[in-house]
Amino acid sequence: MTSTRPCCELGRAEWRFAVEVWQLPAQGLTQVLRQEPPGLCIGKVTLSTGETVLGVLGEPILCEGQREISEFGGWRSYIETMNILAGS
């Protein structure tokens, strides 16, 4: 896998998320799908640039009853914040 850019943002009316955009051959996408845990899927994501790319998404059933972490701006930021709080 090679990163086409270090990071860009996914725009939504209420939230903006940092995302990583990767360029993969078809076989690479198959490998990603096989490694994802149940409840994650591939879907279309529209970036703030207007470009539409494929992204790994959480299926609604997976997200029901879970903590809303959008305010952190992305999964990595959420994990980093939780690690900092755990060290306090």
PDB file of N, CA and C in Angstrom:
ATOM      1  N   MET A   1       0.837  -1.179   0.000  1.00  0.00           N
ATOM      2  CA  MET A   1       0.000   0.000   0.000  1.00  0.00           C
ATOM      3  C   MET A   1       0.880   1.240   0.000  1.00  0.00           C
ATOM      4  N   THR A   2       0.466   2.222  -0.744  1.00  0.00           N
ATOM      5  CA  THR A   2       1.172   3.492  -0.719  1.00  0.00           C
ATOM      6  C   THR A   2       0.168   4.606  -0.505  1.00  0.00           C
ATOM      7  N   SER A   3       0.512   5.522   0.342  1.00  0.00           N
ATOM      8  CA  SER A   3      -0.378   6.632   0.643  1.00  0.00           C
ATOM      9  C   SER A   3      -0.275   7.664  -0.458  1.00  0.00           C
ATOM     10  N   THR A   4      -1.422   8.094  -0.985  1.00  0.00           N
ATOM     11  CA  THR A   4      -1.406   9.122  -2.020  1.00  0.00           C
ATOM     12  C   THR A   4      -1.282  10.508  -1.407  1.00  0.00           C
ATOM     13  N   ARG A   5      -1.681  10.671  -0.167  1.00  0.00           N
ATOM     14  CA  ARG A   5      -1.526  11.917   0.597  1.00  0.00           C
ATOM     15  C   ARG A   5      -1.511  11.547   2.073  1.00  0.00           C
ATOM     16  N   PRO A   6      -0.880  12.334   2.882  1.00  0.00           N
ATOM     17  CA  PRO A   6      -0.808  11.977   4.295  1.00  0.00           C
ATOM     18  C   PRO A   6      -2.162  11.998   4.984  1.00  0.00           C
ATOM     19  N   CYS A   7      -3.023  12.954   4.641  1.00  0.00           N
ATOM     20  CA  CYS A   7      -4.300  13.052   5.323  1.00  0.00           C
ATOM     21  C   CYS A   7      -5.157  14.100   4.644  1.00  0.00           C
ATOM     22  N   CYS A   8      -6.426  13.911   4.673  1.00  0.00           N
ATOM     23  CA  CYS A   8      -7.351  14.944   4.224  1.00  0.00           C
ATOM     24  C   CYS A   8      -8.580  14.822   5.108  1.00  0.00           C
ATOM     25  N   GLU A   9      -9.545  15.677   4.908  1.00  0.00           N
ATOM     26  CA  GLU A   9     -10.705  15.653   5.793  1.00  0.00           C
ATOM     27  C   GLU A   9     -11.966  15.268   5.045  1.00  0.00           C
ATOM     28  N   LEU A  10     -12.786  14.501   5.714  1.00  0.00           N
ATOM     29  CA  LEU A  10     -14.090  14.112   5.216  1.00  0.00           C
ATOM     30  C   LEU A  10     -15.080  15.135   5.741  1.00  0.00           C
ATOM     31  N   GLY A  11     -15.775  15.828   4.871  1.00  0.00           N
ATOM     32  CA  GLY A  11     -16.671  16.893   5.304  1.00  0.00           C
ATOM     33  C   GLY A  11     -18.093  16.403   5.533  1.00  0.00           C
ATOM     34  N   ARG A  12     -18.708  16.837   6.586  1.00  0.00           N
ATOM     35  CA  ARG A  12     -20.098  16.578   6.899  1.00  0.00           C
ATOM     36  C   ARG A  12     -20.628  17.832   7.571  1.00  0.00           C
ATOM     37  N   ALA A  13     -21.910  18.071   7.496  1.00  0.00           N
ATOM     38  CA  ALA A  13     -22.460  19.306   8.053  1.00  0.00           C
ATOM     39  C   ALA A  13     -22.048  19.502   9.513  1.00  0.00           C
ATOM     40  N   GLU A  14     -22.123  18.449  10.307  1.00  0.00           N
ATOM     41  CA  GLU A  14     -21.845  18.579  11.737  1.00  0.00           C
ATOM     42  C   GLU A  14     -20.397  18.261  12.116  1.00  0.00           C
ATOM     43  N   TRP A  15     -19.735  17.388  11.373  1.00  0.00           N
ATOM     44  CA  TRP A  15     -18.427  16.881  11.786  1.00  0.00           C
ATOM     45  C   TRP A  15     -17.441  16.881  10.631  1.00  0.00           C
ATOM     46  N   ARG A  16     -16.161  16.965  10.972  1.00  0.00           N
ATOM     47  CA  ARG A  16     -15.086  16.787   9.994  1.00  0.00           C
ATOM     48  C   ARG A  16     -14.152  15.735  10.573  1.00  0.00           C
ATOM     49  N   PHE A  17     -13.800  14.761   9.742  1.00  0.00           N
ATOM     50  CA  PHE A  17     -12.971  13.649  10.192  1.00  0.00           C
ATOM     51  C   PHE A  17     -11.672  13.609   9.402  1.00  0.00           C
ATOM     52  N   ALA A  18     -10.581  13.394  10.093  1.00  0.00           N
ATOM     53  CA  ALA A  18      -9.309  13.157   9.413  1.00  0.00           C
ATOM     54  C   ALA A  18      -9.356  11.745   8.846  1.00  0.00           C
ATOM     55  N   VAL A  19      -8.947  11.593   7.607  1.00  0.00           N
ATOM     56  CA  VAL A  19      -8.905  10.271   6.974  1.00  0.00           C
ATOM     57  C   VAL A  19      -7.565  10.090   6.279  1.00  0.00           C
ATOM     58  N   GLU A  20      -7.205   8.860   6.050  1.00  0.00           N
ATOM     59  CA  GLU A  20      -6.021   8.536   5.254  1.00  0.00           C
ATOM     60  C   GLU A  20      -6.516   8.009   3.921  1.00  0.00           C
ATOM     61  N   VAL A  21      -5.947   8.496   2.833  1.00  0.00           N
ATOM     62  CA  VAL A  21      -6.335   8.041   1.498  1.00  0.00           C
ATOM     63  C   VAL A  21      -5.186   7.202   0.947  1.00  0.00           C
ATOM     64  N   TRP A  22      -5.503   5.962   0.563  1.00  0.00           N
ATOM     65  CA  TRP A  22      -4.514   5.026   0.046  1.00  0.00           C
ATOM     66  C   TRP A  22      -4.888   4.620  -1.363  1.00  0.00           C
ATOM     67  N   GLN A  23      -3.893   4.321  -2.172  1.00  0.00           N
ATOM     68  CA  GLN A  23      -4.113   3.795  -3.513  1.00  0.00           C
ATOM     69  C   GLN A  23      -3.755   2.319  -3.475  1.00  0.00           C
ATOM     70  N   LEU A  24      -4.739   1.457  -3.796  1.00  0.00           N
ATOM     71  CA  LEU A  24      -4.551   0.009  -3.734  1.00  0.00           C
ATOM     72  C   LEU A  24      -4.887  -0.652  -5.060  1.00  0.00           C
ATOM     73  N   PRO A  25      -4.172  -1.715  -5.405  1.00  0.00           N
ATOM     74  CA  PRO A  25      -4.626  -2.517  -6.532  1.00  0.00           C
ATOM     75  C   PRO A  25      -5.850  -3.325  -6.081  1.00  0.00           C
ATOM     76  N   ALA A  26      -6.587  -3.899  -7.018  1.00  0.00           N
ATOM     77  CA  ALA A  26      -7.794  -4.670  -6.680  1.00  0.00           C
ATOM     78  C   ALA A  26      -7.486  -5.754  -5.647  1.00  0.00           C
ATOM     79  N   GLN A  27      -6.362  -6.438  -5.766  1.00  0.00           N
ATOM     80  CA  GLN A  27      -5.993  -7.477  -4.800  1.00  0.00           C
ATOM     81  C   GLN A  27      -5.809  -6.880  -3.402  1.00  0.00           C
ATOM     82  N   GLY A  28      -5.315  -5.668  -3.322  1.00  0.00           N
ATOM     83  CA  GLY A  28      -5.126  -5.012  -2.036  1.00  0.00           C
ATOM     84  C   GLY A  28      -6.444  -4.745  -1.349  1.00  0.00           C
ATOM     85  N   LEU A  29      -7.463  -4.375  -2.117  1.00  0.00           N
ATOM     86  CA  LEU A  29      -8.785  -4.144  -1.546  1.00  0.00           C
ATOM     87  C   LEU A  29      -9.352  -5.447  -0.998  1.00  0.00           C
ATOM     88  N   THR A  30      -9.154  -6.527  -1.701  1.00  0.00           N
ATOM     89  CA  THR A  30      -9.596  -7.841  -1.224  1.00  0.00           C
ATOM     90  C   THR A  30      -8.918  -8.178   0.091  1.00  0.00           C
ATOM     91  N   GLN A  31      -7.633  -7.908   0.197  1.00  0.00           N
ATOM     92  CA  GLN A  31      -6.887  -8.175   1.430  1.00  0.00           C
ATOM     93  C   GLN A  31      -7.426  -7.337   2.585  1.00  0.00           C
ATOM     94  N   VAL A  32      -7.720  -6.069   2.335  1.00  0.00           N
ATOM     95  CA  VAL A  32      -8.292  -5.202   3.373  1.00  0.00           C
ATOM     96  C   VAL A  32      -9.612  -5.785   3.859  1.00  0.00           C
ATOM     97  N   LEU A  33     -10.478  -6.158   2.930  1.00  0.00           N
ATOM     98  CA  LEU A  33     -11.786  -6.714   3.299  1.00  0.00           C
ATOM     99  C   LEU A  33     -11.655  -7.963   4.155  1.00  0.00           C
ATOM    100  N   ARG A  34     -10.718  -8.814   3.834  1.00  0.00           N
ATOM    101  CA  ARG A  34     -10.527 -10.056   4.591  1.00  0.00           C
ATOM    102  C   ARG A  34     -10.022  -9.806   6.001  1.00  0.00           C
ATOM    103  N   GLN A  35      -9.311  -8.712   6.213  1.00  0.00           N
ATOM    104  CA  GLN A  35      -8.718  -8.429   7.517  1.00  0.00           C
ATOM    105  C   GLN A  35      -9.631  -7.621   8.432  1.00  0.00           C
ATOM    106  N   GLU A  36     -10.682  -7.033   7.886  1.00  0.00           N
ATOM    107  CA  GLU A  36     -11.571  -6.215   8.707  1.00  0.00           C
ATOM    108  C   GLU A  36     -12.444  -7.103   9.591  1.00  0.00           C
ATOM    109  N   PRO A  37     -12.678  -6.695  10.830  1.00  0.00           N
ATOM    110  CA  PRO A  37     -13.544  -7.474  11.711  1.00  0.00           C
ATOM    111  C   PRO A  37     -15.007  -7.364  11.277  1.00  0.00           C
ATOM    112  N   PRO A  38     -15.838  -8.282  11.733  1.00  0.00           N
ATOM    113  CA  PRO A  38     -17.265  -8.222  11.395  1.00  0.00           C
ATOM    114  C   PRO A  38     -17.850  -6.869  11.801  1.00  0.00           C
ATOM    115  N   GLY A  39     -18.734  -6.350  10.956  1.00  0.00           N
ATOM    116  CA  GLY A  39     -19.378  -5.074  11.244  1.00  0.00           C
ATOM    117  C   GLY A  39     -18.764  -3.903  10.512  1.00  0.00           C
ATOM    118  N   LEU A  40     -17.565  -4.100   9.953  1.00  0.00           N
ATOM    119  CA  LEU A  40     -16.970  -3.056   9.136  1.00  0.00           C
ATOM    120  C   LEU A  40     -17.168  -3.432   7.675  1.00  0.00           C
ATOM    121  N   CYS A  41     -17.360  -2.420   6.836  1.00  0.00           N
ATOM    122  CA  CYS A  41     -17.628  -2.675   5.430  1.00  0.00           C
ATOM    123  C   CYS A  41     -16.966  -1.584   4.586  1.00  0.00           C
ATOM    124  N   ILE A  42     -16.999  -1.781   3.294  1.00  0.00           N
ATOM    125  CA  ILE A  42     -16.481  -0.790   2.356  1.00  0.00           C
ATOM    126  C   ILE A  42     -17.673   0.006   1.813  1.00  0.00           C
ATOM    127  N   GLY A  43     -17.542   1.322   1.783  1.00  0.00           N
ATOM    128  CA  GLY A  43     -18.594   2.175   1.243  1.00  0.00           C
ATOM    129  C   GLY A  43     -17.997   3.445   0.664  1.00  0.00           C
ATOM    130  N   LYS A  44     -18.816   4.197  -0.027  1.00  0.00           N
ATOM    131  CA  LYS A  44     -18.356   5.437  -0.643  1.00  0.00           C
ATOM    132  C   LYS A  44     -18.313   6.566   0.380  1.00  0.00           C
ATOM    133  N   VAL A  45     -17.245   7.359   0.308  1.00  0.00           N
ATOM    134  CA  VAL A  45     -17.030   8.496   1.188  1.00  0.00           C
ATOM    135  C   VAL A  45     -16.722   9.699   0.305  1.00  0.00           C
ATOM    136  N   THR A  46     -17.385  10.816   0.553  1.00  0.00           N
ATOM    137  CA  THR A  46     -17.105  12.035  -0.198  1.00  0.00           C
ATOM    138  C   THR A  46     -16.209  12.931   0.645  1.00  0.00           C
ATOM    139  N   LEU A  47     -15.059  13.266   0.095  1.00  0.00           N
ATOM    140  CA  LEU A  47     -14.089  14.101   0.789  1.00  0.00           C
ATOM    141  C   LEU A  47     -14.454  15.570   0.644  1.00  0.00           C
ATOM    142  N   SER A  48     -13.856  16.416   1.456  1.00  0.00           N
ATOM    143  CA  SER A  48     -14.136  17.853   1.399  1.00  0.00           C
ATOM    144  C   SER A  48     -13.729  18.460   0.062  1.00  0.00           C
ATOM    145  N   THR A  49     -12.884  17.769  -0.679  1.00  0.00           N
ATOM    146  CA  THR A  49     -12.475  18.219  -2.020  1.00  0.00           C
ATOM    147  C   THR A  49     -13.550  17.935  -3.061  1.00  0.00           C
ATOM    148  N   GLY A  50     -14.568  17.137  -2.669  1.00  0.00           N
ATOM    149  CA  GLY A  50     -15.608  16.726  -3.604  1.00  0.00           C
ATOM    150  C   GLY A  50     -15.340  15.367  -4.221  1.00  0.00           C
ATOM    151  N   GLU A  51     -14.129  14.856  -4.037  1.00  0.00           N
ATOM    152  CA  GLU A  51     -13.766  13.544  -4.573  1.00  0.00           C
ATOM    153  C   GLU A  51     -14.473  12.451  -3.770  1.00  0.00           C
ATOM    154  N   THR A  52     -14.961  11.420  -4.482  1.00  0.00           N
ATOM    155  CA  THR A  52     -15.574  10.276  -3.818  1.00  0.00           C
ATOM    156  C   THR A  52     -14.609   9.106  -3.890  1.00  0.00           C
ATOM    157  N   VAL A  53     -14.344   8.490  -2.729  1.00  0.00           N
ATOM    158  CA  VAL A  53     -13.420   7.359  -2.635  1.00  0.00           C
ATOM    159  C   VAL A  53     -14.092   6.246  -1.846  1.00  0.00           C
ATOM    160  N   LEU A  54     -13.520   5.052  -1.904  1.00  0.00           N
ATOM    161  CA  LEU A  54     -14.006   3.955  -1.073  1.00  0.00           C
ATOM    162  C   LEU A  54     -13.368   4.062   0.300  1.00  0.00           C
ATOM    163  N   GLY A  55     -14.158   3.783   1.342  1.00  0.00           N
ATOM    164  CA  GLY A  55     -13.648   3.856   2.700  1.00  0.00           C
ATOM    165  C   GLY A  55     -14.170   2.707   3.537  1.00  0.00           C
ATOM    166  N   VAL A  56     -13.509   2.445   4.651  1.00  0.00           N
ATOM    167  CA  VAL A  56     -13.961   1.422   5.600  1.00  0.00           C
ATOM    168  C   VAL A  56     -14.926   2.110   6.554  1.00  0.00           C
ATOM    169  N   LEU A  57     -16.139   1.593   6.620  1.00  0.00           N
ATOM    170  CA  LEU A  57     -17.216   2.183   7.416  1.00  0.00           C
ATOM    171  C   LEU A  57     -17.740   1.195   8.439  1.00  0.00           C
ATOM    172  N   GLY A  58     -18.316   1.695   9.496  1.00  0.00           N
ATOM    173  CA  GLY A  58     -18.994   0.852  10.482  1.00  0.00           C
ATOM    174  C   GLY A  58     -20.452   0.687  10.075  1.00  0.00           C
ATOM    175  N   GLU A  59     -20.916  -0.548   9.994  1.00  0.00           N
ATOM    176  CA  GLU A  59     -22.320  -0.784   9.685  1.00  0.00           C
ATOM    177  C   GLU A  59     -23.176  -0.240  10.834  1.00  0.00           C
ATOM    178  N   PRO A  60     -24.356   0.296  10.534  1.00  0.00           N
ATOM    179  CA  PRO A  60     -25.207   0.885  11.583  1.00  0.00           C
ATOM    180  C   PRO A  60     -25.429  -0.030  12.783  1.00  0.00           C
ATOM    181  N   ILE A  61     -25.620  -1.314  12.556  1.00  0.00           N
ATOM    182  CA  ILE A  61     -25.871  -2.251  13.662  1.00  0.00           C
ATOM    183  C   ILE A  61     -24.665  -2.307  14.604  1.00  0.00           C
ATOM    184  N   LEU A  62     -23.464  -2.143  14.063  1.00  0.00           N
ATOM    185  CA  LEU A  62     -22.243  -2.154  14.870  1.00  0.00           C
ATOM    186  C   LEU A  62     -22.167  -0.914  15.766  1.00  0.00           C
ATOM    187  N   CYS A  63     -22.706   0.205  15.272  1.00  0.00           N
ATOM    188  CA  CYS A  63     -22.602   1.484  15.981  1.00  0.00           C
ATOM    189  C   CYS A  63     -23.706   1.703  17.014  1.00  0.00           C
ATOM    190  N   GLU A  64     -24.810   0.966  16.893  1.00  0.00           N
ATOM    191  CA  GLU A  64     -25.930   1.159  17.821  1.00  0.00           C
ATOM    192  C   GLU A  64     -25.496   0.922  19.264  1.00  0.00           C
ATOM    193  N   GLY A  65     -25.824   1.877  20.123  1.00  0.00           N
ATOM    194  CA  GLY A  65     -25.517   1.745  21.542  1.00  0.00           C
ATOM    195  C   GLY A  65     -24.061   2.009  21.902  1.00  0.00           C
ATOM    196  N   GLN A  66     -23.236   2.389  20.916  1.00  0.00           N
ATOM    197  CA  GLN A  66     -21.819   2.655  21.179  1.00  0.00           C
ATOM    198  C   GLN A  66     -21.596   4.143  21.408  1.00  0.00           C
ATOM    199  N   ARG A  67     -20.478   4.481  21.988  1.00  0.00           N
ATOM    200  CA  ARG A  67     -20.136   5.878  22.244  1.00  0.00           C
ATOM    201  C   ARG A  67     -19.933   6.616  20.917  1.00  0.00           C
ATOM    202  N   GLU A  68     -20.493   7.796  20.818  1.00  0.00           N
ATOM    203  CA  GLU A  68     -20.297   8.666  19.658  1.00  0.00           C
ATOM    204  C   GLU A  68     -18.930   9.331  19.797  1.00  0.00           C
ATOM    205  N   ILE A  69     -18.027   9.071  18.840  1.00  0.00           N
ATOM    206  CA  ILE A  69     -16.671   9.615  18.941  1.00  0.00           C
ATOM    207  C   ILE A  69     -16.369  10.643  17.855  1.00  0.00           C
ATOM    208  N   SER A  70     -17.378  11.076  17.119  1.00  0.00           N
ATOM    209  CA  SER A  70     -17.163  12.034  16.029  1.00  0.00           C
ATOM    210  C   SER A  70     -16.489  13.309  16.500  1.00  0.00           C
ATOM    211  N   GLU A  71     -16.771  13.728  17.720  1.00  0.00           N
ATOM    212  CA  GLU A  71     -16.198  14.975  18.242  1.00  0.00           C
ATOM    213  C   GLU A  71     -14.670  14.949  18.286  1.00  0.00           C
ATOM    214  N   PHE A  72     -14.076  13.754  18.252  1.00  0.00           N
ATOM    215  CA  PHE A  72     -12.615  13.623  18.300  1.00  0.00           C
ATOM    216  C   PHE A  72     -11.986  13.826  16.922  1.00  0.00           C
ATOM    217  N   GLY A  73     -12.798  13.807  15.862  1.00  0.00           N
ATOM    218  CA  GLY A  73     -12.292  14.050  14.521  1.00  0.00           C
ATOM    219  C   GLY A  73     -11.668  12.847  13.844  1.00  0.00           C
ATOM    220  N   GLY A  74     -11.802  11.686  14.425  1.00  0.00           N
ATOM    221  CA  GLY A  74     -11.250  10.476  13.806  1.00  0.00           C
ATOM    222  C   GLY A  74     -10.885   9.434  14.844  1.00  0.00           C
ATOM    223  N   TRP A  75     -10.767   8.205  14.388  1.00  0.00           N
ATOM    224  CA  TRP A  75     -10.472   7.072  15.262  1.00  0.00           C
ATOM    225  C   TRP A  75      -9.124   7.226  15.948  1.00  0.00           C
ATOM    226  N   ARG A  76      -8.108   7.615  15.183  1.00  0.00           N
ATOM    227  CA  ARG A  76      -6.764   7.734  15.764  1.00  0.00           C
ATOM    228  C   ARG A  76      -6.732   8.794  16.869  1.00  0.00           C
ATOM    229  N   SER A  77      -7.396   9.910  16.651  1.00  0.00           N
ATOM    230  CA  SER A  77      -7.445  10.969  17.653  1.00  0.00           C
ATOM    231  C   SER A  77      -8.183  10.498  18.907  1.00  0.00           C
ATOM    232  N   TYR A  78      -9.245   9.741  18.709  1.00  0.00           N
ATOM    233  CA  TYR A  78      -9.991   9.195  19.853  1.00  0.00           C
ATOM    234  C   TYR A  78      -9.083   8.283  20.687  1.00  0.00           C
ATOM    235  N   ILE A  79      -8.390   7.352  20.040  1.00  0.00           N
ATOM    236  CA  ILE A  79      -7.500   6.411  20.741  1.00  0.00           C
ATOM    237  C   ILE A  79      -6.390   7.180  21.463  1.00  0.00           C
ATOM    238  N   GLU A  80      -5.815   8.175  20.797  1.00  0.00           N
ATOM    239  CA  GLU A  80      -4.753   8.981  21.415  1.00  0.00           C
ATOM    240  C   GLU A  80      -5.268   9.686  22.665  1.00  0.00           C
ATOM    241  N   THR A  81      -6.447  10.264  22.582  1.00  0.00           N
ATOM    242  CA  THR A  81      -7.042  10.956  23.742  1.00  0.00           C
ATOM    243  C   THR A  81      -7.305   9.974  24.883  1.00  0.00           C
ATOM    244  N   MET A  82      -7.827   8.804  24.575  1.00  0.00           N
ATOM    245  CA  MET A  82      -8.103   7.796  25.604  1.00  0.00           C
ATOM    246  C   MET A  82      -6.803   7.342  26.263  1.00  0.00           C
ATOM    247  N   ASN A  83      -5.746   7.192  25.490  1.00  0.00           N
ATOM    248  CA  ASN A  83      -4.445   6.805  26.046  1.00  0.00           C
ATOM    249  C   ASN A  83      -3.889   7.880  26.967  1.00  0.00           C
ATOM    250  N   ILE A  84      -4.051   9.137  26.590  1.00  0.00           N
ATOM    251  CA  ILE A  84      -3.592  10.246  27.433  1.00  0.00           C
ATOM    252  C   ILE A  84      -4.379  10.262  28.732  1.00  0.00           C
ATOM    253  N   LEU A  85      -5.715  10.121  28.653  1.00  0.00           N
ATOM    254  CA  LEU A  85      -6.547  10.121  29.863  1.00  0.00           C
ATOM    255  C   LEU A  85      -6.230   8.936  30.772  1.00  0.00           C
ATOM    256  N   ALA A  86      -5.907   7.803  30.189  1.00  0.00           N
ATOM    257  CA  ALA A  86      -5.575   6.610  30.979  1.00  0.00           C
ATOM    258  C   ALA A  86      -4.270   6.808  31.737  1.00  0.00           C
ATOM    259  N   GLY A  87      -3.370   7.622  31.165  1.00  0.00           N
ATOM    260  CA  GLY A  87      -2.090   7.884  31.811  1.00  0.00           C
ATOM    261  C   GLY A  87      -2.152   8.955  32.878  1.00  0.00           C
ATOM    262  N   SER A  88      -3.293   9.650  32.981  1.00  0.00           N
ATOM    263  CA  SER A  88      -3.434  10.744  33.967  1.00  0.00           C
ATOM    264  C   SER A  88      -3.554  10.226  35.368  1.00  0.00           C
TER     265      SER A  88
END
